[in-house]
Amino acid sequence: MKNKNITAILYALAAASFYAINVPCSKLMLENIAPTFMAAFLYLGAGSGVGILYLFHRKKERKEERLDRRDLPYAAGMVVLDIIAPIFLMAGVSLGTSSNASLLGNFEIVATTLIALLLFQEKVSKMLWSAIGFITLSSVILSFEAGGSLTFSPGSLFVLGATVCWGLENNCTRSISEKSTYQIVTIKGLCSGTGSFVIALAMGEELPTAQLILPAMLLGFVSYGLSIFTYIRAQKTLGAAKTSAYYAAAPFIGVLLSMILLRETPSAVYAAALLVMIFGTAFVVYDTLVRSHTHEHVHSFTHTHGGTRHTHTIVHSHKHNHYRNDEKHGHRHSLKSLEKY
């Protein structure tokens, strides 16, 4: 079991690392590829690569795992948002710095949480509200240009727009997450990539040469396709909460790669935002790793019928959150999450 957990953690960190290379490498490629075409080839690379893997996996897949007509609205929303989001991101990266764009990626946590709260009535803990506050403050700081006067950075605003789109897309994808992951990623990649490609042509962007297209698709397969693939592998062992906590490392890995590959020098404004973002991410990790877990309880009761005494044992587990301000026991039970066996 220990080795299995270690492997799962390595998968989660691999997912974060794969995605982290997206921004700095895209920044380099955007010197020769227009932003919308870049977004198209990233998703086409992811869809093509995972689609090839799906050909080998499809025979092992159960029929009920595949998408059907009931999933169409969520799948369509997922595709449309995945067309808009990477276009915004590539525009933001081309107008701003790679390190800023990487760090702003954590605003996706805020967007996903708020959308889940407002549209799906999910409960948000006080700890997560604190994290949202810190991450939002950091994002506001990064949205201003460094210099003598405070002016909004167009690049940062585009990146924030991308994270909001992905936040909504995360909630759409969650609604069909029980279905085939291979199928979801393949459809997401090929359809979103094709949509972005058509938009790029309509906008009159210059089609890059094959020598530039192939590296962009390879980057998409690694940073989008393999990132999602390894994320799911980690999720099977660690669960969604713990995997997302490890995945929060992605923006910080991206910042480090930006400094190494692009030799970007952080400004004082960036350093302040980084510190605030670290606080916010720490709250997210604490909320997912420490406070949310499952306890198992065994209850026994004895009754008599027909002159014979019987003892029955019921085992159930429930998730609960720990709170430091609970004087007696340090936790409160969540009855809604009760699972009986």
C-alpha atoms as a PDB file:
ATOM      1  CA  MET A   1       0.000   0.000   0.000  1.00  0.00           C
ATOM      2  CA  LYS A   2       2.848   2.381   0.860  1.00  0.00           C
ATOM      3  CA  ASN A   3       4.517   1.850  -2.522  1.00  0.00           C
ATOM      4  CA  LYS A   4       1.157   2.365  -4.223  1.00  0.00           C
ATOM      5  CA  ASN A   5       0.713   5.714  -2.453  1.00  0.00           C
ATOM      6  CA  ILE A   6       4.235   6.816  -3.374  1.00  0.00           C
ATOM      7  CA  THR A   7       3.553   5.942  -7.017  1.00  0.00           C
ATOM      8  CA  ALA A   8       0.303   7.914  -6.909  1.00  0.00           C
ATOM      9  CA  ILE A   9       2.078  10.963  -5.444  1.00  0.00           C
ATOM     10  CA  LEU A  10       4.672  10.752  -8.226  1.00  0.00           C
ATOM     11  CA  TYR A  11       1.823  10.630 -10.766  1.00  0.00           C
ATOM     12  CA  ALA A  12       0.266  13.753  -9.214  1.00  0.00           C
ATOM     13  CA  LEU A  13       3.557  15.655  -9.248  1.00  0.00           C
ATOM     14  CA  ALA A  14       4.156  14.482 -12.826  1.00  0.00           C
ATOM     15  CA  ALA A  15       0.751  15.888 -13.809  1.00  0.00           C
ATOM     16  CA  ALA A  16       1.670  19.241 -12.269  1.00  0.00           C
ATOM     17  CA  SER A  17       5.085  19.225 -13.942  1.00  0.00           C
ATOM     18  CA  PHE A  18       3.690  18.298 -17.363  1.00  0.00           C
ATOM     19  CA  TYR A  19       1.213  21.173 -17.246  1.00  0.00           C
ATOM     20  CA  ALA A  20       3.813  23.596 -15.836  1.00  0.00           C
ATOM     21  CA  ILE A  21       5.943  23.422 -18.982  1.00  0.00           C
ATOM     22  CA  ASN A  22       3.021  24.730 -21.059  1.00  0.00           C
ATOM     23  CA  VAL A  23       3.352  28.447 -20.343  1.00  0.00           C
ATOM     24  CA  PRO A  24       7.136  29.011 -20.678  1.00  0.00           C
ATOM     25  CA  CYS A  25       7.409  26.754 -23.749  1.00  0.00           C
ATOM     26  CA  SER A  26       4.349  28.378 -25.336  1.00  0.00           C
ATOM     27  CA  LYS A  27       5.928  31.780 -24.693  1.00  0.00           C
ATOM     28  CA  LEU A  28       8.922  30.721 -26.777  1.00  0.00           C
ATOM     29  CA  MET A  29       6.763  29.301 -29.591  1.00  0.00           C
ATOM     30  CA  LEU A  30       4.492  32.364 -29.686  1.00  0.00           C
ATOM     31  CA  GLU A  31       7.366  34.278 -31.254  1.00  0.00           C
ATOM     32  CA  ASN A  32       6.608  32.349 -34.465  1.00  0.00           C
ATOM     33  CA  ILE A  33       3.033  31.061 -34.013  1.00  0.00           C
ATOM     34  CA  ALA A  34      -0.071  33.262 -33.675  1.00  0.00           C
ATOM     35  CA  PRO A  35      -1.927  32.849 -30.321  1.00  0.00           C
ATOM     36  CA  THR A  36      -5.144  31.266 -31.646  1.00  0.00           C
ATOM     37  CA  PHE A  37      -3.284  28.782 -33.830  1.00  0.00           C
ATOM     38  CA  MET A  38      -1.055  27.976 -30.853  1.00  0.00           C
ATOM     39  CA  ALA A  39      -4.115  27.193 -28.726  1.00  0.00           C
ATOM     40  CA  ALA A  40      -5.493  25.026 -31.548  1.00  0.00           C
ATOM     41  CA  PHE A  41      -2.352  22.925 -31.926  1.00  0.00           C
ATOM     42  CA  LEU A  42      -1.989  22.437 -28.165  1.00  0.00           C
ATOM     43  CA  TYR A  43      -5.440  20.875 -27.950  1.00  0.00           C
ATOM     44  CA  LEU A  44      -5.107  18.976 -31.224  1.00  0.00           C
ATOM     45  CA  GLY A  45      -1.884  17.470 -29.899  1.00  0.00           C
ATOM     46  CA  ALA A  46      -3.587  16.428 -26.673  1.00  0.00           C
ATOM     47  CA  GLY A  47      -6.601  14.950 -28.458  1.00  0.00           C
ATOM     48  CA  SER A  48      -4.519  13.101 -31.054  1.00  0.00           C
ATOM     49  CA  GLY A  49      -2.085  11.666 -28.527  1.00  0.00           C
ATOM     50  CA  VAL A  50      -4.699  10.498 -26.031  1.00  0.00           C
ATOM     51  CA  GLY A  51      -6.869   9.326 -28.949  1.00  0.00           C
ATOM     52  CA  ILE A  52      -4.089   6.961 -30.018  1.00  0.00           C
ATOM     53  CA  LEU A  53      -3.878   5.648 -26.447  1.00  0.00           C
ATOM     54  CA  TYR A  54      -7.685   5.233 -26.499  1.00  0.00           C
ATOM     55  CA  LEU A  55      -7.465   2.873 -29.484  1.00  0.00           C
ATOM     56  CA  PHE A  56      -5.550   0.409 -27.310  1.00  0.00           C
ATOM     57  CA  HIS A  57      -7.759   0.947 -24.253  1.00  0.00           C
ATOM     58  CA  ARG A  58     -11.189   0.905 -25.923  1.00  0.00           C
ATOM     59  CA  LYS A  59     -11.624  -2.886 -25.843  1.00  0.00           C
ATOM     60  CA  LYS A  60     -11.233  -2.870 -22.052  1.00  0.00           C
ATOM     61  CA  GLU A  61     -13.893  -0.178 -21.645  1.00  0.00           C
ATOM     62  CA  ARG A  62     -17.417  -1.036 -20.507  1.00  0.00           C
ATOM     63  CA  LYS A  63     -20.334   0.203 -22.599  1.00  0.00           C
ATOM     64  CA  GLU A  64     -21.817   2.230 -19.730  1.00  0.00           C
ATOM     65  CA  GLU A  65     -18.572   4.186 -19.414  1.00  0.00           C
ATOM     66  CA  ARG A  66     -19.003   5.789 -22.822  1.00  0.00           C
ATOM     67  CA  LEU A  67     -20.686   9.156 -23.319  1.00  0.00           C
ATOM     68  CA  ASP A  68     -24.343   9.162 -24.428  1.00  0.00           C
ATOM     69  CA  ARG A  69     -26.987  11.734 -25.393  1.00  0.00           C
ATOM     70  CA  ARG A  70     -27.631  12.759 -21.794  1.00  0.00           C
ATOM     71  CA  ASP A  71     -24.037  13.929 -21.543  1.00  0.00           C
ATOM     72  CA  LEU A  72     -24.241  16.094 -24.681  1.00  0.00           C
ATOM     73  CA  PRO A  73     -24.991  19.474 -22.981  1.00  0.00           C
ATOM     74  CA  TYR A  74     -22.037  19.119 -20.595  1.00  0.00           C
ATOM     75  CA  ALA A  75     -19.733  17.856 -23.349  1.00  0.00           C
ATOM     76  CA  ALA A  76     -20.726  20.771 -25.613  1.00  0.00           C
ATOM     77  CA  GLY A  77     -20.151  23.292 -22.814  1.00  0.00           C
ATOM     78  CA  MET A  78     -16.786  21.702 -22.090  1.00  0.00           C
ATOM     79  CA  VAL A  79     -15.700  22.004 -25.728  1.00  0.00           C
ATOM     80  CA  VAL A  80     -16.845  25.629 -26.171  1.00  0.00           C
ATOM     81  CA  LEU A  81     -15.109  26.759 -22.978  1.00  0.00           C
ATOM     82  CA  ASP A  82     -11.973  24.841 -23.941  1.00  0.00           C
ATOM     83  CA  ILE A  83     -11.933  26.767 -27.219  1.00  0.00           C
ATOM     84  CA  ILE A  84     -12.119  30.151 -25.487  1.00  0.00           C
ATOM     85  CA  ALA A  85      -9.816  29.478 -22.501  1.00  0.00           C
ATOM     86  CA  PRO A  86      -6.547  28.577 -24.287  1.00  0.00           C
ATOM     87  CA  ILE A  87      -7.033  31.449 -26.755  1.00  0.00           C
ATOM     88  CA  PHE A  88      -7.257  33.828 -23.793  1.00  0.00           C
ATOM     89  CA  LEU A  89      -4.234  32.162 -22.184  1.00  0.00           C
ATOM     90  CA  MET A  90      -2.071  32.381 -25.296  1.00  0.00           C
ATOM     91  CA  ALA A  91      -3.078  36.034 -25.763  1.00  0.00           C
ATOM     92  CA  GLY A  92      -2.183  36.710 -22.127  1.00  0.00           C
ATOM     93  CA  VAL A  93       1.173  34.954 -22.413  1.00  0.00           C
ATOM     94  CA  SER A  94       2.047  36.854 -25.600  1.00  0.00           C
ATOM     95  CA  LEU A  95       1.188  40.219 -23.977  1.00  0.00           C
ATOM     96  CA  GLY A  96       2.718  39.568 -20.556  1.00  0.00           C
ATOM     97  CA  THR A  97       5.396  37.527 -18.818  1.00  0.00           C
ATOM     98  CA  SER A  98       5.421  33.762 -18.562  1.00  0.00           C
ATOM     99  CA  SER A  99       6.020  33.795 -14.792  1.00  0.00           C
ATOM    100  CA  ASN A 100       2.990  36.045 -14.184  1.00  0.00           C
ATOM    101  CA  ALA A 101       0.810  33.817 -16.341  1.00  0.00           C
ATOM    102  CA  SER A 102       1.982  30.699 -14.507  1.00  0.00           C
ATOM    103  CA  LEU A 103       1.239  32.164 -11.088  1.00  0.00           C
ATOM    104  CA  LEU A 104      -2.145  33.552 -12.160  1.00  0.00           C
ATOM    105  CA  GLY A 105      -3.117  30.000 -13.101  1.00  0.00           C
ATOM    106  CA  ASN A 106      -3.995  29.366  -9.447  1.00  0.00           C
ATOM    107  CA  PHE A 107      -6.968  31.724  -9.821  1.00  0.00           C
ATOM    108  CA  GLU A 108      -8.632  28.729 -11.476  1.00  0.00           C
ATOM    109  CA  ILE A 109      -9.094  27.361  -7.923  1.00  0.00           C
ATOM    110  CA  VAL A 110     -11.083  30.485  -7.031  1.00  0.00           C
ATOM    111  CA  ALA A 111     -13.148  30.408 -10.214  1.00  0.00           C
ATOM    112  CA  THR A 112     -13.948  26.697  -9.909  1.00  0.00           C
ATOM    113  CA  THR A 113     -14.960  27.034  -6.249  1.00  0.00           C
ATOM    114  CA  LEU A 114     -17.172  30.097  -6.721  1.00  0.00           C
ATOM    115  CA  ILE A 115     -18.935  28.588  -9.737  1.00  0.00           C
ATOM    116  CA  ALA A 116     -19.506  25.332  -7.809  1.00  0.00           C
ATOM    117  CA  LEU A 117     -20.951  27.391  -4.945  1.00  0.00           C
ATOM    118  CA  LEU A 118     -23.204  29.615  -7.047  1.00  0.00           C
ATOM    119  CA  LEU A 119     -24.404  27.104  -9.648  1.00  0.00           C
ATOM    120  CA  PHE A 120     -24.206  23.770  -7.827  1.00  0.00           C
ATOM    121  CA  GLN A 121     -24.783  24.957  -4.214  1.00  0.00           C
ATOM    122  CA  GLU A 122     -21.653  23.250  -2.911  1.00  0.00           C
ATOM    123  CA  LYS A 123     -20.537  24.204   0.585  1.00  0.00           C
ATOM    124  CA  VAL A 124     -17.275  26.135   0.949  1.00  0.00           C
ATOM    125  CA  SER A 125     -15.279  25.875   4.181  1.00  0.00           C
ATOM    126  CA  LYS A 126     -13.927  28.907   6.045  1.00  0.00           C
ATOM    127  CA  MET A 127     -10.397  27.743   5.270  1.00  0.00           C
ATOM    128  CA  LEU A 128     -11.123  27.666   1.550  1.00  0.00           C
ATOM    129  CA  TRP A 129     -12.697  31.136   1.754  1.00  0.00           C
ATOM    130  CA  SER A 130      -9.395  32.338   3.274  1.00  0.00           C
ATOM    131  CA  ALA A 131      -7.509  30.718   0.404  1.00  0.00           C
ATOM    132  CA  ILE A 132      -9.810  32.401  -2.111  1.00  0.00           C
ATOM    133  CA  GLY A 133      -9.125  35.761  -0.474  1.00  0.00           C
ATOM    134  CA  PHE A 134      -5.336  35.376  -0.640  1.00  0.00           C
ATOM    135  CA  ILE A 135      -5.317  34.057  -4.216  1.00  0.00           C
ATOM    136  CA  THR A 136      -7.668  36.834  -5.363  1.00  0.00           C
ATOM    137  CA  LEU A 137      -5.479  39.477  -3.712  1.00  0.00           C
ATOM    138  CA  SER A 138      -2.388  38.023  -5.370  1.00  0.00           C
ATOM    139  CA  SER A 139      -4.152  37.984  -8.751  1.00  0.00           C
ATOM    140  CA  VAL A 140      -5.156  41.658  -8.347  1.00  0.00           C
ATOM    141  CA  ILE A 141      -1.540  42.581  -7.559  1.00  0.00           C
ATOM    142  CA  LEU A 142      -0.301  40.687 -10.629  1.00  0.00           C
ATOM    143  CA  SER A 143      -2.936  42.379 -12.799  1.00  0.00           C
ATOM    144  CA  PHE A 144      -1.178  45.733 -12.437  1.00  0.00           C
ATOM    145  CA  GLU A 145       1.764  46.769 -14.545  1.00  0.00           C
ATOM    146  CA  ALA A 146       4.980  47.418 -12.645  1.00  0.00           C
ATOM    147  CA  GLY A 147       6.144  50.993 -12.957  1.00  0.00           C
ATOM    148  CA  GLY A 148       5.524  54.490 -11.754  1.00  0.00           C
ATOM    149  CA  SER A 149       1.753  54.404 -12.240  1.00  0.00           C
ATOM    150  CA  LEU A 150      -0.785  51.716 -11.509  1.00  0.00           C
ATOM    151  CA  THR A 151      -2.288  50.524 -14.791  1.00  0.00           C
ATOM    152  CA  PHE A 152      -4.018  47.245 -15.526  1.00  0.00           C
ATOM    153  CA  SER A 153      -1.995  44.687 -17.484  1.00  0.00           C
ATOM    154  CA  PRO A 154      -3.946  43.384 -20.511  1.00  0.00           C
ATOM    155  CA  GLY A 155      -1.910  40.169 -20.424  1.00  0.00           C
ATOM    156  CA  SER A 156      -2.914  39.401 -16.839  1.00  0.00           C
ATOM    157  CA  LEU A 157      -6.578  40.127 -17.555  1.00  0.00           C
ATOM    158  CA  PHE A 158      -6.560  37.674 -20.480  1.00  0.00           C
ATOM    159  CA  VAL A 159      -5.001  34.981 -18.249  1.00  0.00           C
ATOM    160  CA  LEU A 160      -7.645  35.623 -15.572  1.00  0.00           C
ATOM    161  CA  GLY A 161     -10.323  35.289 -18.257  1.00  0.00           C
ATOM    162  CA  ALA A 162      -8.837  31.914 -19.208  1.00  0.00           C
ATOM    163  CA  THR A 163      -8.944  30.685 -15.603  1.00  0.00           C
ATOM    164  CA  VAL A 164     -12.603  31.700 -15.266  1.00  0.00           C
ATOM    165  CA  CYS A 165     -13.429  29.759 -18.447  1.00  0.00           C
ATOM    166  CA  TRP A 166     -11.557  26.723 -17.139  1.00  0.00           C
ATOM    167  CA  GLY A 167     -13.297  27.087 -13.786  1.00  0.00           C
ATOM    168  CA  LEU A 168     -16.670  26.796 -15.526  1.00  0.00           C
ATOM    169  CA  GLU A 169     -15.333  24.022 -17.737  1.00  0.00           C
ATOM    170  CA  ASN A 170     -14.165  22.091 -14.659  1.00  0.00           C
ATOM    171  CA  ASN A 171     -17.739  22.085 -13.368  1.00  0.00           C
ATOM    172  CA  CYS A 172     -19.077  20.906 -16.742  1.00  0.00           C
ATOM    173  CA  THR A 173     -16.489  18.126 -16.926  1.00  0.00           C
ATOM    174  CA  ARG A 174     -17.216  17.092 -13.342  1.00  0.00           C
ATOM    175  CA  SER A 175     -20.793  16.283 -14.378  1.00  0.00           C
ATOM    176  CA  ILE A 176     -19.521  13.602 -16.793  1.00  0.00           C
ATOM    177  CA  SER A 177     -16.382  12.610 -14.868  1.00  0.00           C
ATOM    178  CA  GLU A 178     -17.684   9.085 -14.230  1.00  0.00           C
ATOM    179  CA  LYS A 179     -17.576   8.370 -17.959  1.00  0.00           C
ATOM    180  CA  SER A 180     -14.543   7.320 -20.032  1.00  0.00           C
ATOM    181  CA  THR A 181     -11.637   9.657 -19.341  1.00  0.00           C
ATOM    182  CA  TYR A 182      -9.947   8.641 -22.592  1.00  0.00           C
ATOM    183  CA  GLN A 183     -13.090   9.550 -24.518  1.00  0.00           C
ATOM    184  CA  ILE A 184     -13.527  12.865 -22.685  1.00  0.00           C
ATOM    185  CA  VAL A 185      -9.934  13.982 -23.276  1.00  0.00           C
ATOM    186  CA  THR A 186      -9.988  12.864 -26.922  1.00  0.00           C
ATOM    187  CA  ILE A 187     -13.244  14.730 -27.644  1.00  0.00           C
ATOM    188  CA  LYS A 188     -12.081  17.744 -25.660  1.00  0.00           C
ATOM    189  CA  GLY A 189      -8.774  17.918 -27.521  1.00  0.00           C
ATOM    190  CA  LEU A 190      -9.930  17.268 -31.073  1.00  0.00           C
ATOM    191  CA  CYS A 191     -13.145  19.335 -30.950  1.00  0.00           C
ATOM    192  CA  SER A 192     -11.663  22.281 -29.047  1.00  0.00           C
ATOM    193  CA  GLY A 193      -8.557  22.241 -31.209  1.00  0.00           C
ATOM    194  CA  THR A 194     -10.612  22.176 -34.404  1.00  0.00           C
ATOM    195  CA  GLY A 195     -12.785  25.042 -33.152  1.00  0.00           C
ATOM    196  CA  SER A 196      -9.744  27.169 -32.343  1.00  0.00           C
ATOM    197  CA  PHE A 197      -8.243  26.320 -35.746  1.00  0.00           C
ATOM    198  CA  VAL A 198     -11.374  27.549 -37.551  1.00  0.00           C
ATOM    199  CA  ILE A 199     -11.398  30.754 -35.481  1.00  0.00           C
ATOM    200  CA  ALA A 200      -7.714  31.339 -36.276  1.00  0.00           C
ATOM    201  CA  LEU A 201      -8.424  31.030 -40.006  1.00  0.00           C
ATOM    202  CA  ALA A 202     -11.416  33.377 -39.732  1.00  0.00           C
ATOM    203  CA  MET A 203      -9.258  35.929 -37.907  1.00  0.00           C
ATOM    204  CA  GLY A 204      -6.733  35.807 -40.725  1.00  0.00           C
ATOM    205  CA  GLU A 205      -3.849  34.514 -38.615  1.00  0.00           C
ATOM    206  CA  GLU A 206      -0.908  33.175 -40.566  1.00  0.00           C
ATOM    207  CA  LEU A 207      -0.750  29.374 -40.670  1.00  0.00           C
ATOM    208  CA  PRO A 208       2.643  28.239 -39.341  1.00  0.00           C
ATOM    209  CA  THR A 209       4.840  25.751 -41.165  1.00  0.00           C
ATOM    210  CA  ALA A 210       4.865  22.023 -40.388  1.00  0.00           C
ATOM    211  CA  GLN A 211       8.215  22.473 -38.654  1.00  0.00           C
ATOM    212  CA  LEU A 212       6.449  24.659 -36.076  1.00  0.00           C
ATOM    213  CA  ILE A 213       3.152  22.752 -35.937  1.00  0.00           C
ATOM    214  CA  LEU A 214       4.640  19.412 -34.874  1.00  0.00           C
ATOM    215  CA  PRO A 215       6.508  20.795 -31.802  1.00  0.00           C
ATOM    216  CA  ALA A 216       3.362  22.694 -30.762  1.00  0.00           C
ATOM    217  CA  MET A 217       1.257  19.521 -30.976  1.00  0.00           C
ATOM    218  CA  LEU A 218       3.915  17.576 -29.082  1.00  0.00           C
ATOM    219  CA  LEU A 219       3.820  20.238 -26.361  1.00  0.00           C
ATOM    220  CA  GLY A 220       0.030  19.908 -26.260  1.00  0.00           C
ATOM    221  CA  PHE A 221       0.214  16.132 -25.928  1.00  0.00           C
ATOM    222  CA  VAL A 222       2.626  16.428 -22.989  1.00  0.00           C
ATOM    223  CA  SER A 223       1.327  19.534 -21.188  1.00  0.00           C
ATOM    224  CA  TYR A 224      -2.397  18.866 -21.720  1.00  0.00           C
ATOM    225  CA  GLY A 225      -2.779  15.184 -22.676  1.00  0.00           C
ATOM    226  CA  LEU A 226      -0.234  13.491 -20.388  1.00  0.00           C
ATOM    227  CA  SER A 227      -0.990  15.929 -17.587  1.00  0.00           C
ATOM    228  CA  ILE A 228      -4.648  14.859 -17.542  1.00  0.00           C
ATOM    229  CA  PHE A 229      -3.696  11.193 -17.939  1.00  0.00           C
ATOM    230  CA  THR A 230      -1.283  11.139 -14.971  1.00  0.00           C
ATOM    231  CA  TYR A 231      -3.690  13.259 -12.923  1.00  0.00           C
ATOM    232  CA  ILE A 232      -6.362  10.588 -13.297  1.00  0.00           C
ATOM    233  CA  ARG A 233      -3.914   7.811 -12.395  1.00  0.00           C
ATOM    234  CA  ALA A 234      -3.051   9.670  -9.181  1.00  0.00           C
ATOM    235  CA  GLN A 235      -6.706  10.319  -8.436  1.00  0.00           C
ATOM    236  CA  LYS A 236      -7.527   6.598  -8.377  1.00  0.00           C
ATOM    237  CA  THR A 237      -5.345   6.117  -5.295  1.00  0.00           C
ATOM    238  CA  LEU A 238      -5.199   9.520  -3.615  1.00  0.00           C
ATOM    239  CA  GLY A 239      -8.703  10.757  -4.365  1.00  0.00           C
ATOM    240  CA  ALA A 240      -9.655  14.093  -5.875  1.00  0.00           C
ATOM    241  CA  ALA A 241      -8.864  16.313  -2.884  1.00  0.00           C
ATOM    242  CA  LYS A 242      -5.301  15.150  -2.287  1.00  0.00           C
ATOM    243  CA  THR A 243      -4.478  15.040  -5.989  1.00  0.00           C
ATOM    244  CA  SER A 244      -5.646  18.629  -6.481  1.00  0.00           C
ATOM    245  CA  ALA A 245      -3.475  19.716  -3.554  1.00  0.00           C
ATOM    246  CA  TYR A 246      -0.348  18.265  -5.162  1.00  0.00           C
ATOM    247  CA  TYR A 247      -1.425  19.722  -8.517  1.00  0.00           C
ATOM    248  CA  ALA A 248      -1.369  23.200  -6.957  1.00  0.00           C
ATOM    249  CA  ALA A 249       2.411  23.010  -7.363  1.00  0.00           C
ATOM    250  CA  ALA A 250       2.061  23.487 -11.147  1.00  0.00           C
ATOM    251  CA  PRO A 251       2.128  27.335 -11.201  1.00  0.00           C
ATOM    252  CA  PHE A 252       5.224  27.437  -9.012  1.00  0.00           C
ATOM    253  CA  ILE A 253       7.029  24.921 -11.218  1.00  0.00           C
ATOM    254  CA  GLY A 254       6.027  27.079 -14.193  1.00  0.00           C
ATOM    255  CA  VAL A 255       7.522  30.154 -12.541  1.00  0.00           C
ATOM    256  CA  LEU A 256      10.805  28.315 -11.945  1.00  0.00           C
ATOM    257  CA  LEU A 257      10.922  27.125 -15.567  1.00  0.00           C
ATOM    258  CA  SER A 258      10.186  30.675 -16.763  1.00  0.00           C
ATOM    259  CA  MET A 259      13.178  31.971 -14.856  1.00  0.00           C
ATOM    260  CA  ILE A 260      15.416  29.202 -16.231  1.00  0.00           C
ATOM    261  CA  LEU A 261      14.233  29.063 -19.857  1.00  0.00           C
ATOM    262  CA  LEU A 262      13.252  32.696 -20.423  1.00  0.00           C
ATOM    263  CA  ARG A 263      15.550  34.332 -17.854  1.00  0.00           C
ATOM    264  CA  GLU A 264      12.712  36.453 -16.554  1.00  0.00           C
ATOM    265  CA  THR A 265      13.667  38.586 -13.555  1.00  0.00           C
ATOM    266  CA  PRO A 266      10.842  38.983 -11.022  1.00  0.00           C
ATOM    267  CA  SER A 267       9.880  42.551 -10.051  1.00  0.00           C
ATOM    268  CA  ALA A 268       9.100  43.721  -6.504  1.00  0.00           C
ATOM    269  CA  VAL A 269       5.372  43.602  -7.372  1.00  0.00           C
ATOM    270  CA  TYR A 270       5.752  40.021  -8.541  1.00  0.00           C
ATOM    271  CA  ALA A 271       7.648  39.021  -5.376  1.00  0.00           C
ATOM    272  CA  ALA A 272       4.847  40.455  -3.193  1.00  0.00           C
ATOM    273  CA  ALA A 273       2.202  38.642  -5.233  1.00  0.00           C
ATOM    274  CA  LEU A 274       4.170  35.403  -5.011  1.00  0.00           C
ATOM    275  CA  LEU A 275       4.253  35.610  -1.205  1.00  0.00           C
ATOM    276  CA  VAL A 276       0.492  36.205  -1.025  1.00  0.00           C
ATOM    277  CA  MET A 277      -0.144  33.370  -3.517  1.00  0.00           C
ATOM    278  CA  ILE A 278       1.948  30.978  -1.414  1.00  0.00           C
ATOM    279  CA  PHE A 279      -0.231  31.757   1.606  1.00  0.00           C
ATOM    280  CA  GLY A 280      -3.372  31.122  -0.441  1.00  0.00           C
ATOM    281  CA  THR A 281      -2.067  27.849  -1.861  1.00  0.00           C
ATOM    282  CA  ALA A 282      -1.017  26.710   1.631  1.00  0.00           C
ATOM    283  CA  PHE A 283      -4.604  27.193   2.814  1.00  0.00           C
ATOM    284  CA  VAL A 284      -5.872  25.124  -0.140  1.00  0.00           C
ATOM    285  CA  VAL A 285      -3.421  22.312   0.627  1.00  0.00           C
ATOM    286  CA  TYR A 286      -4.324  22.372   4.326  1.00  0.00           C
ATOM    287  CA  ASP A 287      -8.031  22.335   3.533  1.00  0.00           C
ATOM    288  CA  THR A 288      -7.728  19.342   1.189  1.00  0.00           C
ATOM    289  CA  LEU A 289      -5.026  17.270   2.875  1.00  0.00           C
ATOM    290  CA  VAL A 290      -5.586  17.836   6.602  1.00  0.00           C
ATOM    291  CA  ARG A 291      -9.196  18.771   7.196  1.00  0.00           C
ATOM    292  CA  SER A 292     -11.057  16.495   4.789  1.00  0.00           C
ATOM    293  CA  HIS A 293     -10.850  12.757   5.397  1.00  0.00           C
ATOM    294  CA  THR A 294     -12.951   9.736   6.284  1.00  0.00           C
ATOM    295  CA  HIS A 295     -13.527   7.895   9.562  1.00  0.00           C
ATOM    296  CA  GLU A 296     -15.056   4.459   9.902  1.00  0.00           C
ATOM    297  CA  HIS A 297     -17.310   3.562  12.834  1.00  0.00           C
ATOM    298  CA  VAL A 298     -18.711   0.232  13.976  1.00  0.00           C
ATOM    299  CA  HIS A 299     -22.066   0.126  15.794  1.00  0.00           C
ATOM    300  CA  SER A 300     -23.503  -2.996  17.413  1.00  0.00           C
ATOM    301  CA  PHE A 301     -27.009  -3.560  18.738  1.00  0.00           C
ATOM    302  CA  THR A 302     -28.717  -6.594  20.236  1.00  0.00           C
ATOM    303  CA  HIS A 303     -32.384  -7.549  19.941  1.00  0.00           C
ATOM    304  CA  THR A 304     -34.504 -10.566  20.823  1.00  0.00           C
ATOM    305  CA  HIS A 305     -37.136 -12.277  18.734  1.00  0.00           C
ATOM    306  CA  GLY A 306     -38.492 -15.821  18.938  1.00  0.00           C
ATOM    307  CA  GLY A 307     -36.692 -16.284  22.249  1.00  0.00           C
ATOM    308  CA  THR A 308     -33.294 -15.863  20.586  1.00  0.00           C
ATOM    309  CA  ARG A 309     -30.940 -12.961  21.066  1.00  0.00           C
ATOM    310  CA  HIS A 310     -29.167 -11.614  17.983  1.00  0.00           C
ATOM    311  CA  THR A 311     -26.340  -9.132  17.733  1.00  0.00           C
ATOM    312  CA  HIS A 312     -25.995  -7.079  14.533  1.00  0.00           C
ATOM    313  CA  THR A 313     -23.008  -4.990  13.558  1.00  0.00           C
ATOM    314  CA  ILE A 314     -23.316  -2.003  11.238  1.00  0.00           C
ATOM    315  CA  VAL A 315     -20.254  -0.397   9.735  1.00  0.00           C
ATOM    316  CA  HIS A 316     -20.429   3.065   8.218  1.00  0.00           C
ATOM    317  CA  SER A 317     -17.982   5.745   7.292  1.00  0.00           C
ATOM    318  CA  HIS A 318     -18.392   9.479   7.040  1.00  0.00           C
ATOM    319  CA  LYS A 319     -16.294  12.395   5.964  1.00  0.00           C
ATOM    320  CA  HIS A 320     -15.736  15.252   8.343  1.00  0.00           C
ATOM    321  CA  ASN A 321     -13.657  18.363   8.705  1.00  0.00           C
ATOM    322  CA  HIS A 322     -11.424  19.265  11.617  1.00  0.00           C
ATOM    323  CA  TYR A 323     -11.719  22.701  13.201  1.00  0.00           C
ATOM    324  CA  ARG A 324      -9.287  24.126  15.716  1.00  0.00           C
ATOM    325  CA  ASN A 325     -12.017  26.151  17.444  1.00  0.00           C
ATOM    326  CA  ASP A 326     -13.981  23.083  18.535  1.00  0.00           C
ATOM    327  CA  GLU A 327     -13.132  22.850  22.246  1.00  0.00           C
ATOM    328  CA  LYS A 328     -14.311  19.324  22.949  1.00  0.00           C
ATOM    329  CA  HIS A 329     -13.284  17.048  20.144  1.00  0.00           C
ATOM    330  CA  GLY A 330     -11.800  19.120  17.327  1.00  0.00           C
ATOM    331  CA  HIS A 331     -14.181  18.030  14.577  1.00  0.00           C
ATOM    332  CA  ARG A 332     -17.711  18.238  13.297  1.00  0.00           C
ATOM    333  CA  HIS A 333     -19.578  15.506  11.447  1.00  0.00           C
ATOM    334  CA  SER A 334     -21.042  15.918   7.984  1.00  0.00           C
ATOM    335  CA  LEU A 335     -24.175  13.777   7.951  1.00  0.00           C
ATOM    336  CA  LYS A 336     -24.804  14.423   4.272  1.00  0.00           C
ATOM    337  CA  SER A 337     -21.631  12.542   3.392  1.00  0.00           C
ATOM    338  CA  LEU A 338     -22.675   9.428   5.367  1.00  0.00           C
ATOM    339  CA  GLU A 339     -22.079   6.245   3.434  1.00  0.00           C
ATOM    340  CA  LYS A 340     -23.621   3.028   4.756  1.00  0.00           C
ATOM    341  CA  TYR A 341     -22.349  -0.415   3.932  1.00  0.00           C
END
